[in-house]
Each structure stands twice: as C-alpha cells, then as structure tokens.
Amino acid sequence: MTEDTSTPETTPATAPASTGPDVPPDHLAINPRSPFFDQEKLQRGIGIRFKGTVRTNVEEYSISEGWIRVQAGKSMDRHGNALTIKLSGPVEAWYEDLGEDAPVAKKD
C-alpha cells in the first residue's frame, strides 16, 4: 500500500468565509423552545444583515433558505408568545464580538 500524500482540496487558508468556528450557524433562533436555539452562540452576539440593512429585531433566521422572522407589532398568540412574520430575502450573519473584520456567513 502506498501512502496518499496529496493535499486536501480546501485548506484552512482557502476555506470559504461561510463555514468555520468563527461563522454563525445557518439557522438560529432566540426562543429557548426552538430546536435551533443555542445560548452559547447567542451570548457572543450575532449581527444580521437582511436585504442590505442591518436588523436588530430578528427572532430567527435561516441563511440557506433566505428568510428571517421578526415580531409582528405587539400582538401575542394565545400562549403569550409574540406573533412573528417571515420575510424572504438575502440574509448575512456574523459574530459581533469579532469586530469589523468578522467573517460573514451568507448564501453563495
């Protein structure tokens, strides 16, 4: 048997900015009952840009599916949860604790 000494196709230096430990997940929610809730990642602070505008009122997002959920006014459902609406468009996310040069997760 011969040992394969070829280099991998993607090295850390050439890896795309949309994956890695310093890039937010593809889908994240702030509701603790959601399967996409992750307290550790939320505590770092996540910035969201939707259709070119930085948004601070995002309840949930999905980069690959291209949508965000935002609260619909002050309306509540019968369980006391805020009603949300889904807005479609390009979504970008980054960790705010990394500063201005933080890698951005976006759909390619």
Protein backbone atom coordinates (compact mmCIF):
# COMPACT_ATOMS: atom_id res chain seq x y z
CA MET A 1 0.00 0.00 0.00
CA THR A 2 1.17 3.49 -0.74
CA GLU A 3 0.50 6.46 1.47
CA ASP A 4 -1.59 9.25 -0.02
CA THR A 5 0.41 12.47 0.37
CA SER A 6 -1.80 14.68 -1.77
CA THR A 7 -3.02 17.91 -0.22
CA PRO A 8 -6.70 18.39 0.51
CA GLU A 9 -8.78 20.43 -1.92
CA THR A 10 -9.63 23.06 0.69
CA THR A 11 -7.12 24.18 3.30
CA PRO A 12 -7.97 26.48 6.21
CA ALA A 13 -6.37 29.39 4.36
CA THR A 14 -8.56 28.85 1.30
CA ALA A 15 -11.75 27.82 3.10
CA PRO A 16 -14.80 29.94 2.27
CA ALA A 17 -15.89 32.52 4.83
CA SER A 18 -19.33 30.90 5.10
CA THR A 19 -18.09 27.97 7.23
CA GLY A 20 -15.86 27.56 10.26
CA PRO A 21 -15.83 28.11 14.01
CA ASP A 22 -15.98 31.91 13.76
CA VAL A 23 -19.02 31.96 11.47
CA PRO A 24 -22.57 31.82 12.91
CA PRO A 25 -24.74 28.77 12.17
CA ASP A 26 -27.02 28.61 9.13
CA HIS A 27 -30.18 28.60 11.26
CA LEU A 28 -30.56 30.15 14.71
CA ALA A 29 -33.47 31.21 16.93
CA ILE A 30 -33.72 33.22 20.17
CA ASN A 31 -36.69 31.22 21.51
CA PRO A 32 -35.41 28.62 24.05
CA ARG A 33 -38.14 26.16 22.96
CA SER A 34 -36.87 26.12 19.37
CA PRO A 35 -34.64 23.24 18.21
CA PHE A 36 -32.41 25.93 16.63
CA PHE A 37 -31.75 27.73 19.94
CA ASP A 38 -28.08 27.88 21.06
CA GLN A 39 -27.39 30.01 24.14
CA GLU A 40 -23.60 29.93 23.73
CA LYS A 41 -23.74 31.35 20.20
CA LEU A 42 -26.34 33.96 21.09
CA GLN A 43 -24.23 35.25 24.00
CA ARG A 44 -21.42 36.10 21.58
CA GLY A 45 -23.76 38.50 19.78
CA ILE A 46 -24.84 37.93 16.20
CA GLY A 47 -25.25 40.68 13.64
CA ILE A 48 -27.84 40.18 10.89
CA ARG A 49 -27.98 41.98 7.56
CA PHE A 50 -31.22 41.44 5.64
CA LYS A 51 -31.57 42.86 2.11
CA GLY A 52 -28.55 45.07 2.75
CA THR A 53 -29.88 46.56 6.02
CA VAL A 54 -28.59 45.66 9.48
CA ARG A 55 -31.53 44.37 11.57
CA THR A 56 -31.68 44.21 15.37
CA ASN A 57 -35.19 42.78 15.79
CA VAL A 58 -34.67 39.30 14.29
CA GLU A 59 -36.26 36.41 16.25
CA GLU A 60 -34.99 33.63 13.95
CA TYR A 61 -33.10 33.36 10.68
CA SER A 62 -32.07 30.86 8.01
CA ILE A 63 -29.28 31.81 5.64
CA SER A 64 -29.63 28.86 3.24
CA GLU A 65 -33.41 29.28 2.91
CA GLY A 66 -33.16 33.09 2.72
CA TRP A 67 -35.58 34.28 5.41
CA ILE A 68 -35.86 35.95 8.81
CA ARG A 69 -38.66 36.06 11.40
CA VAL A 70 -39.48 39.35 13.10
CA GLN A 71 -42.09 40.26 15.68
CA ALA A 72 -45.39 41.49 14.20
CA GLY A 73 -46.07 44.53 16.36
CA LYS A 74 -47.21 43.89 19.92
CA SER A 75 -49.56 41.03 19.02
CA MET A 76 -49.43 37.86 21.12
CA ASP A 77 -50.76 34.38 20.49
CA ARG A 78 -52.95 32.53 23.00
CA HIS A 79 -49.85 31.18 24.81
CA GLY A 80 -48.38 34.65 25.34
CA ASN A 81 -45.71 34.34 22.64
CA ALA A 82 -45.08 37.19 20.25
CA LEU A 83 -46.57 36.71 16.78
CA THR A 84 -43.90 36.71 14.09
CA ILE A 85 -43.87 37.14 10.33
CA LYS A 86 -41.44 35.58 7.90
CA LEU A 87 -39.65 37.91 5.48
CA SER A 88 -37.83 36.46 2.47
CA GLY A 89 -34.60 37.80 1.02
CA PRO A 90 -30.81 37.54 1.24
CA VAL A 91 -29.53 37.04 4.82
CA GLU A 92 -25.99 37.57 6.13
CA ALA A 93 -24.80 36.85 9.69
CA TRP A 94 -21.61 37.46 11.67
CA TYR A 95 -20.38 37.39 15.26
CA GLU A 96 -20.28 40.92 16.64
CA ASP A 97 -17.55 40.11 19.18
CA LEU A 98 -15.00 39.66 16.36
CA GLY A 99 -15.10 43.31 15.31
CA GLU A 100 -15.46 44.89 11.89
CA ASP A 101 -13.41 42.28 10.00
CA ALA A 102 -15.50 39.32 11.19
CA PRO A 103 -16.16 36.55 8.64
CA VAL A 104 -19.70 36.76 7.26
CA ALA A 105 -21.97 33.75 6.71
CA LYS A 106 -24.05 34.19 3.58
CA LYS A 107 -25.61 32.11 0.85
CA ASP A 108 -23.23 31.72 -2.07
